[in-house]
Amino acid sequence: MNPQPFAINIGRQLGSGGRAIGRLLADSMGARYLDRELLSLAADRSGLAPEIFERTDEHKGFLHTLAGSLFPAFGAHAGYYDQSVNDDTLFRLQSEAIRRAAQEGPCIFIGRCADYVLRDMPRTVNVFVVADRRDRIARLCQMNGIDEAEAARRIDRGDQRRAEYYNFYTQQRWGAASTYDLCINTSLFGLERTADIIRRFAQDKLDAVEARM
């Protein structure tokens, strides 16, 4: 493990095991795991309720502008946010939480455009995790107790929403190989071996970056 701060940013297809891999990496590399935890960090900093961030978590266009009637409880924060909250404001607040966490120490970020948010940070590794569709469906069925038809529907809807969100805010293409340092298929290697491959790849990249600095 390199003692300096670094970030591994994991984009993932729904059902590919990206979150489980992120936790394995965090444990093996002594890094902080940040997935939905980012929503709480952004909420704590802004004074907004976590539920407001959850409504648009990795979704674009699902939150209409909220009127100033939300803000009496937030006091001075109301003026700061110009009496309204929208998707773009929440993205900015979440991005600020990502940057602060990355400055504090090693982090594993799951989704939320962290690769784009940290694009000016040299010590980052951007990974996209995929899996064969049959394995993704099986994983969702097992995790959520649903049938294959429902799992397939959730996969299609979830991937579409993630792509729309990522493409809008980054002006890049979600899942395109050229967007990432490494794309990897968990169906080939399983979760633990995939995590180990990513860890070794990340360490090699971080060592190369450090050598150039």
N, C-alpha and C. Protein backbone atom coordinates (compact mmCIF):
# COMPACT_ATOMS: atom_id res chain seq x y z
N MET A 1 0.83 -1.19 0.00
CA MET A 1 0.00 0.00 0.00
C MET A 1 0.87 1.25 0.00
N ASN A 2 0.57 2.18 -0.88
CA ASN A 2 1.31 3.43 -0.91
C ASN A 2 0.76 4.36 0.17
N PRO A 3 1.62 4.98 0.99
CA PRO A 3 1.13 5.78 2.11
C PRO A 3 0.48 7.09 1.69
N GLN A 4 0.74 7.59 0.50
CA GLN A 4 0.15 8.85 0.06
C GLN A 4 -1.30 8.65 -0.34
N PRO A 5 -2.11 9.74 -0.26
CA PRO A 5 -3.51 9.62 -0.67
C PRO A 5 -3.64 9.16 -2.12
N PHE A 6 -4.61 8.33 -2.37
CA PHE A 6 -4.93 7.91 -3.73
C PHE A 6 -6.42 7.60 -3.77
N ALA A 7 -6.93 7.49 -4.98
CA ALA A 7 -8.34 7.14 -5.15
C ALA A 7 -8.48 6.10 -6.25
N ILE A 8 -9.24 5.07 -5.97
CA ILE A 8 -9.65 4.13 -6.99
C ILE A 8 -11.14 4.36 -7.22
N ASN A 9 -11.50 4.74 -8.43
CA ASN A 9 -12.87 5.09 -8.77
C ASN A 9 -13.48 3.96 -9.60
N ILE A 10 -14.54 3.37 -9.08
CA ILE A 10 -15.12 2.19 -9.69
C ILE A 10 -16.48 2.52 -10.31
N GLY A 11 -16.54 2.51 -11.63
CA GLY A 11 -17.82 2.50 -12.32
C GLY A 11 -18.23 1.05 -12.52
N ARG A 12 -19.52 0.78 -12.62
CA ARG A 12 -19.92 -0.63 -12.69
C ARG A 12 -21.30 -0.78 -13.30
N GLN A 13 -21.46 -1.88 -14.03
CA GLN A 13 -22.77 -2.31 -14.46
C GLN A 13 -23.54 -2.83 -13.25
N LEU A 14 -24.84 -2.63 -13.26
CA LEU A 14 -25.66 -3.15 -12.18
C LEU A 14 -25.58 -4.68 -12.16
N GLY A 15 -25.28 -5.22 -10.99
CA GLY A 15 -25.19 -6.66 -10.84
C GLY A 15 -23.83 -7.25 -11.16
N SER A 16 -22.85 -6.40 -11.43
CA SER A 16 -21.51 -6.90 -11.77
C SER A 16 -20.65 -7.21 -10.56
N GLY A 17 -21.07 -6.78 -9.38
CA GLY A 17 -20.28 -7.00 -8.17
C GLY A 17 -19.32 -5.88 -7.86
N GLY A 18 -19.51 -4.72 -8.47
CA GLY A 18 -18.58 -3.61 -8.26
C GLY A 18 -18.47 -3.16 -6.82
N ARG A 19 -19.59 -3.14 -6.13
CA ARG A 19 -19.55 -2.71 -4.73
C ARG A 19 -18.77 -3.70 -3.86
N ALA A 20 -19.02 -4.99 -4.06
CA ALA A 20 -18.29 -6.00 -3.29
C ALA A 20 -16.80 -5.92 -3.56
N ILE A 21 -16.44 -5.68 -4.80
CA ILE A 21 -15.03 -5.53 -5.16
C ILE A 21 -14.44 -4.30 -4.49
N GLY A 22 -15.21 -3.22 -4.45
CA GLY A 22 -14.73 -2.02 -3.78
C GLY A 22 -14.43 -2.26 -2.32
N ARG A 23 -15.27 -3.03 -1.65
CA ARG A 23 -15.02 -3.33 -0.23
C ARG A 23 -13.78 -4.20 -0.06
N LEU A 24 -13.60 -5.16 -0.96
CA LEU A 24 -12.40 -5.99 -0.89
C LEU A 24 -11.15 -5.14 -1.08
N LEU A 25 -11.19 -4.19 -2.00
CA LEU A 25 -10.04 -3.31 -2.23
C LEU A 25 -9.79 -2.42 -1.02
N ALA A 26 -10.84 -1.90 -0.46
CA ALA A 26 -10.67 -1.04 0.72
C ALA A 26 -10.01 -1.79 1.86
N ASP A 27 -10.42 -3.03 2.08
CA ASP A 27 -9.84 -3.83 3.15
C ASP A 27 -8.37 -4.15 2.88
N SER A 28 -8.06 -4.50 1.64
CA SER A 28 -6.70 -4.95 1.33
C SER A 28 -5.72 -3.79 1.18
N MET A 29 -6.22 -2.58 0.90
CA MET A 29 -5.35 -1.44 0.65
C MET A 29 -5.39 -0.39 1.75
N GLY A 30 -6.13 -0.68 2.80
CA GLY A 30 -6.21 0.27 3.91
C GLY A 30 -6.85 1.58 3.49
N ALA A 31 -7.85 1.50 2.64
CA ALA A 31 -8.50 2.69 2.10
C ALA A 31 -9.91 2.83 2.65
N ARG A 32 -10.44 4.01 2.56
CA ARG A 32 -11.80 4.30 2.99
C ARG A 32 -12.77 3.93 1.87
N TYR A 33 -13.83 3.20 2.18
CA TYR A 33 -14.83 2.81 1.20
C TYR A 33 -15.96 3.83 1.22
N LEU A 34 -16.26 4.42 0.06
CA LEU A 34 -17.29 5.45 0.00
C LEU A 34 -18.23 5.16 -1.16
N ASP A 35 -19.42 4.77 -0.79
CA ASP A 35 -20.49 4.53 -1.76
C ASP A 35 -21.64 5.46 -1.36
N ARG A 36 -22.66 4.93 -0.75
CA ARG A 36 -23.76 5.78 -0.28
C ARG A 36 -23.32 6.66 0.88
N GLU A 37 -22.18 6.33 1.48
CA GLU A 37 -21.64 7.18 2.54
C GLU A 37 -21.40 8.60 2.05
N LEU A 38 -21.15 8.76 0.76
CA LEU A 38 -20.94 10.10 0.21
C LEU A 38 -22.17 10.98 0.37
N LEU A 39 -23.35 10.37 0.32
CA LEU A 39 -24.58 11.14 0.45
C LEU A 39 -24.67 11.75 1.85
N SER A 40 -24.26 10.97 2.85
CA SER A 40 -24.28 11.48 4.22
C SER A 40 -23.24 12.58 4.41
N LEU A 41 -22.06 12.40 3.80
CA LEU A 41 -21.03 13.43 3.91
C LEU A 41 -21.50 14.74 3.29
N ALA A 42 -22.10 14.64 2.11
CA ALA A 42 -22.59 15.85 1.44
C ALA A 42 -23.73 16.48 2.23
N ALA A 43 -24.59 15.65 2.80
CA ALA A 43 -25.70 16.18 3.59
C ALA A 43 -25.21 16.87 4.85
N ASP A 44 -24.25 16.27 5.53
CA ASP A 44 -23.72 16.88 6.75
C ASP A 44 -23.10 18.24 6.47
N ARG A 45 -22.38 18.34 5.37
CA ARG A 45 -21.69 19.58 5.03
C ARG A 45 -22.68 20.67 4.62
N SER A 46 -23.72 20.30 3.91
CA SER A 46 -24.65 21.29 3.36
C SER A 46 -25.77 21.66 4.32
N GLY A 47 -26.06 20.80 5.28
CA GLY A 47 -27.19 21.03 6.16
C GLY A 47 -28.49 20.50 5.61
N LEU A 48 -28.45 19.84 4.45
CA LEU A 48 -29.64 19.26 3.86
C LEU A 48 -29.85 17.84 4.36
N ALA A 49 -31.08 17.38 4.29
CA ALA A 49 -31.38 16.02 4.72
C ALA A 49 -30.80 15.01 3.73
N PRO A 50 -30.25 13.89 4.21
CA PRO A 50 -29.71 12.87 3.30
C PRO A 50 -30.74 12.39 2.27
N GLU A 51 -32.03 12.40 2.65
CA GLU A 51 -33.06 11.92 1.74
C GLU A 51 -33.12 12.73 0.45
N ILE A 52 -32.74 14.02 0.53
CA ILE A 52 -32.76 14.85 -0.67
C ILE A 52 -31.72 14.37 -1.67
N PHE A 53 -30.55 13.98 -1.18
CA PHE A 53 -29.51 13.45 -2.06
C PHE A 53 -29.90 12.07 -2.61
N GLU A 54 -30.55 11.27 -1.78
CA GLU A 54 -30.90 9.91 -2.19
C GLU A 54 -31.90 9.91 -3.34
N ARG A 55 -32.71 10.95 -3.44
CA ARG A 55 -33.73 10.98 -4.50
C ARG A 55 -33.11 11.01 -5.89
N THR A 56 -31.93 11.59 -6.01
CA THR A 56 -31.31 11.69 -7.33
C THR A 56 -29.97 10.97 -7.38
N ASP A 57 -29.76 10.02 -6.48
CA ASP A 57 -28.49 9.32 -6.43
C ASP A 57 -28.21 8.61 -7.76
N GLU A 58 -27.22 9.11 -8.51
CA GLU A 58 -26.85 8.58 -9.82
C GLU A 58 -28.01 8.58 -10.81
N HIS A 59 -29.00 9.44 -10.60
CA HIS A 59 -30.10 9.64 -11.55
C HIS A 59 -30.10 11.10 -11.96
N LYS A 60 -30.30 11.37 -13.21
CA LYS A 60 -30.38 12.74 -13.69
C LYS A 60 -31.82 13.06 -14.08
N GLY A 61 -32.33 14.20 -13.54
CA GLY A 61 -33.63 14.68 -13.97
C GLY A 61 -34.80 14.14 -13.18
N PHE A 62 -34.55 13.50 -12.04
CA PHE A 62 -35.65 12.94 -11.27
C PHE A 62 -36.07 13.84 -10.11
N LEU A 63 -35.36 14.94 -9.93
CA LEU A 63 -35.71 15.86 -8.84
C LEU A 63 -36.07 17.20 -9.44
N HIS A 64 -37.31 17.62 -9.31
CA HIS A 64 -37.69 18.95 -9.74
C HIS A 64 -37.16 19.96 -8.73
N THR A 65 -37.03 21.20 -9.14
CA THR A 65 -36.57 22.24 -8.22
C THR A 65 -37.47 22.28 -7.00
N LEU A 66 -36.86 22.33 -5.84
CA LEU A 66 -37.61 22.40 -4.59
C LEU A 66 -37.69 23.85 -4.13
N ALA A 67 -38.87 24.29 -3.77
CA ALA A 67 -39.08 25.71 -3.42
C ALA A 67 -38.47 26.02 -2.07
N GLY A 68 -38.40 27.30 -1.74
CA GLY A 68 -37.77 27.75 -0.50
C GLY A 68 -38.49 27.29 0.74
N SER A 69 -39.69 26.72 0.58
CA SER A 69 -40.41 26.24 1.75
C SER A 69 -39.67 25.13 2.46
N LEU A 70 -38.68 24.50 1.79
CA LEU A 70 -37.89 23.46 2.43
C LEU A 70 -36.93 24.02 3.46
N PHE A 71 -36.59 25.30 3.36
CA PHE A 71 -35.40 25.79 4.01
C PHE A 71 -35.52 26.48 5.36
N PRO A 72 -36.70 26.75 5.90
CA PRO A 72 -36.71 27.42 7.20
C PRO A 72 -35.86 26.73 8.25
N ALA A 73 -35.79 25.39 8.21
CA ALA A 73 -35.03 24.66 9.23
C ALA A 73 -33.54 24.80 9.04
N PHE A 74 -33.09 25.32 7.87
CA PHE A 74 -31.68 25.36 7.59
C PHE A 74 -31.07 26.73 7.87
N GLY A 75 -31.88 27.70 8.28
CA GLY A 75 -31.35 28.99 8.68
C GLY A 75 -30.50 29.65 7.61
N ALA A 76 -29.21 29.89 7.97
CA ALA A 76 -28.31 30.61 7.07
C ALA A 76 -28.08 29.88 5.77
N HIS A 77 -28.26 28.56 5.76
CA HIS A 77 -28.04 27.80 4.53
C HIS A 77 -29.01 28.21 3.43
N ALA A 78 -30.20 28.73 3.81
CA ALA A 78 -31.21 29.04 2.81
C ALA A 78 -30.71 30.07 1.82
N GLY A 79 -30.07 31.14 2.32
CA GLY A 79 -29.55 32.15 1.42
C GLY A 79 -28.46 31.61 0.54
N TYR A 80 -27.63 30.74 1.09
CA TYR A 80 -26.51 30.18 0.34
C TYR A 80 -27.00 29.42 -0.88
N TYR A 81 -28.09 28.69 -0.73
CA TYR A 81 -28.61 27.90 -1.83
C TYR A 81 -29.67 28.63 -2.64
N ASP A 82 -29.79 29.94 -2.41
CA ASP A 82 -30.72 30.75 -3.21
C ASP A 82 -32.13 30.19 -3.14
N GLN A 83 -32.46 29.66 -1.96
CA GLN A 83 -33.80 29.18 -1.66
C GLN A 83 -34.26 28.02 -2.54
N SER A 84 -33.37 27.33 -3.20
CA SER A 84 -33.80 26.21 -4.03
C SER A 84 -32.71 25.17 -4.13
N VAL A 85 -33.11 23.96 -4.43
CA VAL A 85 -32.17 22.87 -4.65
C VAL A 85 -32.58 22.17 -5.93
N ASN A 86 -31.60 21.85 -6.77
CA ASN A 86 -31.89 21.07 -7.96
C ASN A 86 -30.81 20.02 -8.15
N ASP A 87 -30.95 19.22 -9.20
CA ASP A 87 -30.00 18.13 -9.44
C ASP A 87 -28.56 18.64 -9.53
N ASP A 88 -28.37 19.75 -10.21
CA ASP A 88 -27.02 20.26 -10.43
C ASP A 88 -26.38 20.74 -9.13
N THR A 89 -27.18 21.35 -8.27
CA THR A 89 -26.67 21.77 -6.96
C THR A 89 -26.25 20.56 -6.14
N LEU A 90 -27.05 19.52 -6.15
CA LEU A 90 -26.72 18.32 -5.40
C LEU A 90 -25.48 17.64 -5.95
N PHE A 91 -25.32 17.66 -7.27
CA PHE A 91 -24.11 17.09 -7.87
C PHE A 91 -22.88 17.88 -7.41
N ARG A 92 -22.99 19.20 -7.38
CA ARG A 92 -21.86 20.02 -6.95
C ARG A 92 -21.50 19.73 -5.49
N LEU A 93 -22.48 19.63 -4.64
CA LEU A 93 -22.23 19.36 -3.22
C LEU A 93 -21.61 17.98 -3.04
N GLN A 94 -22.11 17.01 -3.78
CA GLN A 94 -21.55 15.66 -3.71
C GLN A 94 -20.11 15.64 -4.22
N SER A 95 -19.84 16.40 -5.28
CA SER A 95 -18.48 16.48 -5.83
C SER A 95 -17.52 17.08 -4.82
N GLU A 96 -17.99 18.08 -4.10
CA GLU A 96 -17.14 18.69 -3.06
C GLU A 96 -16.82 17.66 -1.98
N ALA A 97 -17.79 16.83 -1.63
CA ALA A 97 -17.54 15.78 -0.63
C ALA A 97 -16.52 14.77 -1.14
N ILE A 98 -16.58 14.44 -2.42
CA ILE A 98 -15.61 13.52 -3.01
C ILE A 98 -14.22 14.10 -2.96
N ARG A 99 -14.07 15.35 -3.35
CA ARG A 99 -12.73 15.98 -3.35
C ARG A 99 -12.16 16.08 -1.94
N ARG A 100 -12.99 16.42 -0.97
CA ARG A 100 -12.50 16.52 0.41
C ARG A 100 -12.03 15.17 0.92
N ALA A 101 -12.81 14.14 0.67
CA ALA A 101 -12.44 12.80 1.13
C ALA A 101 -11.14 12.34 0.48
N ALA A 102 -10.98 12.62 -0.82
CA ALA A 102 -9.77 12.20 -1.53
C ALA A 102 -8.53 12.90 -1.01
N GLN A 103 -8.68 14.11 -0.53
CA GLN A 103 -7.55 14.85 0.03
C GLN A 103 -7.14 14.34 1.40
N GLU A 104 -8.07 13.70 2.09
CA GLU A 104 -7.82 13.28 3.47
C GLU A 104 -7.09 11.95 3.56
N GLY A 105 -7.17 11.11 2.53
CA GLY A 105 -6.50 9.82 2.59
C GLY A 105 -6.99 8.89 1.50
N PRO A 106 -6.42 7.69 1.41
CA PRO A 106 -6.80 6.75 0.37
C PRO A 106 -8.30 6.43 0.39
N CYS A 107 -8.91 6.41 -0.78
CA CYS A 107 -10.35 6.16 -0.87
C CYS A 107 -10.66 5.24 -2.04
N ILE A 108 -11.71 4.45 -1.86
CA ILE A 108 -12.32 3.69 -2.94
C ILE A 108 -13.70 4.31 -3.15
N PHE A 109 -13.91 4.91 -4.30
CA PHE A 109 -15.19 5.55 -4.60
C PHE A 109 -16.00 4.65 -5.54
N ILE A 110 -17.28 4.50 -5.25
CA ILE A 110 -18.17 3.72 -6.09
C ILE A 110 -19.08 4.67 -6.87
N GLY A 111 -18.89 4.70 -8.18
CA GLY A 111 -19.74 5.50 -9.05
C GLY A 111 -19.71 6.99 -8.77
N ARG A 112 -20.84 7.65 -9.03
CA ARG A 112 -21.06 9.07 -8.76
C ARG A 112 -20.06 9.99 -9.46
N CYS A 113 -19.59 9.55 -10.63
CA CYS A 113 -18.70 10.37 -11.47
C CYS A 113 -17.41 10.74 -10.77
N ALA A 114 -16.97 9.93 -9.80
CA ALA A 114 -15.77 10.27 -9.04
C ALA A 114 -14.55 10.38 -9.94
N ASP A 115 -14.49 9.56 -11.00
CA ASP A 115 -13.35 9.65 -11.91
C ASP A 115 -13.27 11.02 -12.57
N TYR A 116 -14.41 11.58 -12.92
CA TYR A 116 -14.45 12.92 -13.53
C TYR A 116 -14.17 14.00 -12.49
N VAL A 117 -14.78 13.87 -11.34
CA VAL A 117 -14.60 14.86 -10.27
C VAL A 117 -13.13 14.98 -9.89
N LEU A 118 -12.41 13.85 -9.89
CA LEU A 118 -11.01 13.83 -9.48
C LEU A 118 -10.05 13.80 -10.67
N ARG A 119 -10.51 14.29 -11.81
CA ARG A 119 -9.71 14.20 -13.04
C ARG A 119 -8.38 14.96 -12.96
N ASP A 120 -8.28 15.94 -12.07
CA ASP A 120 -7.04 16.69 -11.93
C ASP A 120 -6.13 16.13 -10.84
N MET A 121 -6.54 15.05 -10.21
CA MET A 121 -5.74 14.41 -9.16
C MET A 121 -4.92 13.30 -9.80
N PRO A 122 -3.59 13.41 -9.82
CA PRO A 122 -2.77 12.41 -10.53
C PRO A 122 -2.90 11.00 -9.96
N ARG A 123 -3.00 10.89 -8.66
CA ARG A 123 -2.96 9.57 -8.03
C ARG A 123 -4.37 8.95 -7.96
N THR A 124 -4.92 8.72 -9.15
CA THR A 124 -6.22 8.08 -9.26
C THR A 124 -6.13 6.91 -10.23
N VAL A 125 -7.00 5.93 -10.02
CA VAL A 125 -7.11 4.78 -10.92
C VAL A 125 -8.60 4.62 -11.23
N ASN A 126 -8.95 4.68 -12.50
CA ASN A 126 -10.34 4.62 -12.92
C ASN A 126 -10.65 3.27 -13.54
N VAL A 127 -11.60 2.58 -12.94
CA VAL A 127 -11.91 1.19 -13.31
C VAL A 127 -13.39 1.08 -13.66
N PHE A 128 -13.69 0.26 -14.66
CA PHE A 128 -15.09 -0.06 -14.96
C PHE A 128 -15.27 -1.56 -14.88
N VAL A 129 -16.25 -1.99 -14.09
CA VAL A 129 -16.49 -3.41 -13.83
C VAL A 129 -17.75 -3.87 -14.56
N VAL A 130 -17.61 -4.95 -15.31
CA VAL A 130 -18.74 -5.52 -16.04
C VAL A 130 -18.87 -7.00 -15.66
N ALA A 131 -19.93 -7.62 -16.14
CA ALA A 131 -20.11 -9.07 -15.98
C ALA A 131 -21.06 -9.54 -17.07
N ASP A 132 -21.02 -10.82 -17.36
CA ASP A 132 -21.96 -11.39 -18.33
C ASP A 132 -23.39 -11.20 -17.82
N ARG A 133 -24.30 -10.98 -18.75
CA ARG A 133 -25.68 -10.66 -18.35
C ARG A 133 -26.30 -11.76 -17.50
N ARG A 134 -26.05 -13.00 -17.84
CA ARG A 134 -26.65 -14.09 -17.06
C ARG A 134 -26.16 -14.07 -15.61
N ASP A 135 -24.90 -13.70 -15.41
CA ASP A 135 -24.36 -13.63 -14.05
C ASP A 135 -24.92 -12.43 -13.30
N ARG A 136 -25.14 -11.35 -14.01
CA ARG A 136 -25.73 -10.17 -13.38
C ARG A 136 -27.15 -10.45 -12.93
N ILE A 137 -27.91 -11.11 -13.79
CA ILE A 137 -29.29 -11.47 -13.44
C ILE A 137 -29.31 -12.40 -12.24
N ALA A 138 -28.43 -13.41 -12.24
CA ALA A 138 -28.38 -14.35 -11.12
C ALA A 138 -28.02 -13.65 -9.82
N ARG A 139 -27.10 -12.71 -9.91
CA ARG A 139 -26.67 -11.98 -8.71
C ARG A 139 -27.81 -11.15 -8.12
N LEU A 140 -28.54 -10.45 -8.97
CA LEU A 140 -29.66 -9.65 -8.48
C LEU A 140 -30.77 -10.52 -7.91
N CYS A 141 -31.04 -11.66 -8.55
CA CYS A 141 -32.05 -12.58 -8.03
C CYS A 141 -31.68 -13.04 -6.62
N GLN A 142 -30.42 -13.40 -6.44
CA GLN A 142 -29.97 -13.89 -5.14
C GLN A 142 -29.98 -12.79 -4.08
N MET A 143 -29.56 -11.60 -4.45
CA MET A 143 -29.45 -10.51 -3.48
C MET A 143 -30.81 -9.94 -3.07
N ASN A 144 -31.76 -9.93 -4.03
CA ASN A 144 -33.02 -9.23 -3.79
C ASN A 144 -34.24 -10.13 -3.73
N GLY A 145 -34.04 -11.43 -3.93
CA GLY A 145 -35.17 -12.34 -3.87
C GLY A 145 -36.21 -12.09 -4.95
N ILE A 146 -35.76 -11.80 -6.17
CA ILE A 146 -36.66 -11.49 -7.27
C ILE A 146 -36.48 -12.53 -8.38
N ASP A 147 -37.41 -12.54 -9.32
CA ASP A 147 -37.28 -13.49 -10.43
C ASP A 147 -36.42 -12.90 -11.53
N GLU A 148 -36.11 -13.72 -12.53
CA GLU A 148 -35.19 -13.30 -13.58
C GLU A 148 -35.73 -12.14 -14.40
N ALA A 149 -37.03 -12.15 -14.66
CA ALA A 149 -37.63 -11.07 -15.45
C ALA A 149 -37.49 -9.73 -14.74
N GLU A 150 -37.74 -9.72 -13.44
CA GLU A 150 -37.61 -8.48 -12.68
C GLU A 150 -36.14 -8.06 -12.60
N ALA A 151 -35.24 -9.02 -12.43
CA ALA A 151 -33.81 -8.69 -12.39
C ALA A 151 -33.36 -8.06 -13.70
N ALA A 152 -33.80 -8.62 -14.82
CA ALA A 152 -33.44 -8.07 -16.12
C ALA A 152 -33.98 -6.66 -16.29
N ARG A 153 -35.20 -6.43 -15.82
CA ARG A 153 -35.78 -5.10 -15.92
C ARG A 153 -34.98 -4.09 -15.10
N ARG A 154 -34.59 -4.49 -13.88
CA ARG A 154 -33.80 -3.58 -13.03
C ARG A 154 -32.44 -3.29 -13.64
N ILE A 155 -31.84 -4.30 -14.26
CA ILE A 155 -30.54 -4.09 -14.90
C ILE A 155 -30.64 -3.08 -16.03
N ASP A 156 -31.63 -3.24 -16.88
CA ASP A 156 -31.77 -2.33 -18.02
C ASP A 156 -32.06 -0.90 -17.55
N ARG A 157 -32.95 -0.77 -16.59
CA ARG A 157 -33.30 0.56 -16.08
C ARG A 157 -32.13 1.17 -15.32
N GLY A 158 -31.47 0.37 -14.48
CA GLY A 158 -30.36 0.90 -13.69
C GLY A 158 -29.20 1.34 -14.54
N ASP A 159 -28.82 0.54 -15.54
CA ASP A 159 -27.72 0.92 -16.42
C ASP A 159 -28.06 2.17 -17.22
N GLN A 160 -29.31 2.27 -17.67
CA GLN A 160 -29.70 3.45 -18.43
C GLN A 160 -29.60 4.72 -17.59
N ARG A 161 -30.06 4.64 -16.36
CA ARG A 161 -30.01 5.82 -15.49
C ARG A 161 -28.57 6.21 -15.17
N ARG A 162 -27.74 5.22 -14.90
CA ARG A 162 -26.34 5.52 -14.61
C ARG A 162 -25.66 6.16 -15.81
N ALA A 163 -25.95 5.63 -17.00
CA ALA A 163 -25.35 6.18 -18.21
C ALA A 163 -25.80 7.61 -18.45
N GLU A 164 -27.09 7.88 -18.30
CA GLU A 164 -27.59 9.23 -18.51
C GLU A 164 -26.96 10.21 -17.53
N TYR A 165 -26.85 9.82 -16.28
CA TYR A 165 -26.27 10.66 -15.24
C TYR A 165 -24.80 10.94 -15.54
N TYR A 166 -24.05 9.89 -15.81
CA TYR A 166 -22.62 10.02 -16.06
C TYR A 166 -22.36 10.83 -17.33
N ASN A 167 -23.04 10.51 -18.40
CA ASN A 167 -22.79 11.19 -19.67
C ASN A 167 -23.13 12.67 -19.58
N PHE A 168 -24.18 13.01 -18.84
CA PHE A 168 -24.59 14.41 -18.72
C PHE A 168 -23.54 15.23 -17.98
N TYR A 169 -23.08 14.73 -16.84
CA TYR A 169 -22.19 15.52 -16.00
C TYR A 169 -20.73 15.49 -16.44
N THR A 170 -20.33 14.47 -17.15
CA THR A 170 -18.91 14.35 -17.51
C THR A 170 -18.63 14.66 -18.97
N GLN A 171 -19.65 14.66 -19.80
CA GLN A 171 -19.47 14.80 -21.25
C GLN A 171 -18.57 13.68 -21.80
N GLN A 172 -18.56 12.56 -21.10
CA GLN A 172 -17.86 11.37 -21.55
C GLN A 172 -18.90 10.25 -21.70
N ARG A 173 -18.43 9.08 -22.06
CA ARG A 173 -19.35 7.97 -22.29
C ARG A 173 -19.19 6.91 -21.22
N TRP A 174 -20.27 6.69 -20.48
CA TRP A 174 -20.28 5.69 -19.42
C TRP A 174 -20.01 4.32 -20.01
N GLY A 175 -19.02 3.61 -19.45
CA GLY A 175 -18.72 2.26 -19.88
C GLY A 175 -17.81 2.13 -21.08
N ALA A 176 -17.45 3.25 -21.72
CA ALA A 176 -16.55 3.19 -22.87
C ALA A 176 -15.13 2.94 -22.40
N ALA A 177 -14.44 2.00 -23.02
CA ALA A 177 -13.10 1.62 -22.57
C ALA A 177 -12.15 2.80 -22.52
N SER A 178 -12.27 3.73 -23.46
CA SER A 178 -11.35 4.86 -23.52
C SER A 178 -11.52 5.82 -22.34
N THR A 179 -12.60 5.68 -21.60
CA THR A 179 -12.86 6.56 -20.46
C THR A 179 -12.09 6.13 -19.22
N TYR A 180 -11.65 4.87 -19.16
CA TYR A 180 -11.11 4.30 -17.93
C TYR A 180 -9.68 3.79 -18.13
N ASP A 181 -9.00 3.58 -17.01
CA ASP A 181 -7.67 2.96 -17.07
C ASP A 181 -7.77 1.46 -17.27
N LEU A 182 -8.83 0.87 -16.73
CA LEU A 182 -8.97 -0.59 -16.76
C LEU A 182 -10.45 -0.95 -16.80
N CYS A 183 -10.82 -1.84 -17.72
CA CYS A 183 -12.15 -2.44 -17.74
C CYS A 183 -11.98 -3.94 -17.51
N ILE A 184 -12.81 -4.51 -16.65
CA ILE A 184 -12.60 -5.91 -16.29
C ILE A 184 -13.94 -6.61 -16.08
N ASN A 185 -13.98 -7.90 -16.47
CA ASN A 185 -15.18 -8.71 -16.43
C ASN A 185 -15.11 -9.69 -15.26
N THR A 186 -15.99 -9.51 -14.29
CA THR A 186 -15.96 -10.37 -13.10
C THR A 186 -16.40 -11.79 -13.41
N SER A 187 -17.10 -12.00 -14.51
CA SER A 187 -17.51 -13.36 -14.87
C SER A 187 -16.30 -14.22 -15.22
N LEU A 188 -15.22 -13.60 -15.64
CA LEU A 188 -14.02 -14.35 -15.99
C LEU A 188 -13.23 -14.78 -14.76
N PHE A 189 -13.18 -13.93 -13.74
CA PHE A 189 -12.25 -14.14 -12.65
C PHE A 189 -12.91 -14.34 -11.28
N GLY A 190 -14.17 -13.99 -11.13
CA GLY A 190 -14.77 -14.00 -9.81
C GLY A 190 -14.42 -12.73 -9.06
N LEU A 191 -15.10 -12.46 -7.96
CA LEU A 191 -14.94 -11.18 -7.27
C LEU A 191 -13.58 -11.03 -6.60
N GLU A 192 -13.13 -12.05 -5.89
CA GLU A 192 -11.87 -11.92 -5.15
C GLU A 192 -10.68 -11.78 -6.08
N ARG A 193 -10.64 -12.59 -7.13
CA ARG A 193 -9.51 -12.48 -8.05
C ARG A 193 -9.56 -11.17 -8.84
N THR A 194 -10.77 -10.74 -9.19
CA THR A 194 -10.90 -9.44 -9.86
C THR A 194 -10.37 -8.33 -8.98
N ALA A 195 -10.73 -8.36 -7.70
CA ALA A 195 -10.23 -7.34 -6.78
C ALA A 195 -8.71 -7.37 -6.69
N ASP A 196 -8.14 -8.56 -6.70
CA ASP A 196 -6.68 -8.67 -6.62
C ASP A 196 -6.01 -8.13 -7.89
N ILE A 197 -6.60 -8.40 -9.05
CA ILE A 197 -6.06 -7.87 -10.30
C ILE A 197 -6.11 -6.34 -10.29
N ILE A 198 -7.22 -5.79 -9.85
CA ILE A 198 -7.35 -4.33 -9.80
C ILE A 198 -6.34 -3.75 -8.82
N ARG A 199 -6.17 -4.41 -7.67
CA ARG A 199 -5.22 -3.90 -6.67
C ARG A 199 -3.81 -3.85 -7.24
N ARG A 200 -3.39 -4.92 -7.91
CA ARG A 200 -2.04 -4.94 -8.47
C ARG A 200 -1.88 -3.93 -9.61
N PHE A 201 -2.91 -3.80 -10.43
CA PHE A 201 -2.89 -2.81 -11.50
C PHE A 201 -2.80 -1.40 -10.91
N ALA A 202 -3.61 -1.14 -9.88
CA ALA A 202 -3.61 0.19 -9.25
C ALA A 202 -2.25 0.52 -8.67
N GLN A 203 -1.65 -0.43 -7.98
CA GLN A 203 -0.34 -0.18 -7.39
C GLN A 203 0.70 0.11 -8.46
N ASP A 204 0.65 -0.62 -9.57
CA ASP A 204 1.58 -0.37 -10.67
C ASP A 204 1.38 1.04 -11.24
N LYS A 205 0.13 1.44 -11.41
CA LYS A 205 -0.11 2.79 -11.95
C LYS A 205 0.35 3.86 -10.96
N LEU A 206 0.04 3.69 -9.69
CA LEU A 206 0.45 4.67 -8.68
C LEU A 206 1.96 4.77 -8.59
N ASP A 207 2.64 3.64 -8.69
CA ASP A 207 4.12 3.66 -8.69
C ASP A 207 4.66 4.41 -9.91
N ALA A 208 4.01 4.20 -11.06
CA ALA A 208 4.45 4.89 -12.28
C ALA A 208 4.22 6.38 -12.18
N VAL A 209 3.08 6.77 -11.61
CA VAL A 209 2.78 8.20 -11.43
C VAL A 209 3.80 8.84 -10.50
N GLU A 210 4.10 8.15 -9.40
CA GLU A 210 5.04 8.69 -8.42
C GLU A 210 6.44 8.83 -9.06
N ALA A 211 6.82 7.91 -9.91
CA ALA A 211 8.13 7.97 -10.54
C ALA A 211 8.26 9.18 -11.47
N ARG A 212 7.13 9.62 -12.01
CA ARG A 212 7.16 10.77 -12.91
C ARG A 212 7.07 12.10 -12.19
N MET A 213 6.70 12.06 -10.91
CA MET A 213 6.49 13.31 -10.16
C MET A 213 7.80 13.85 -9.61
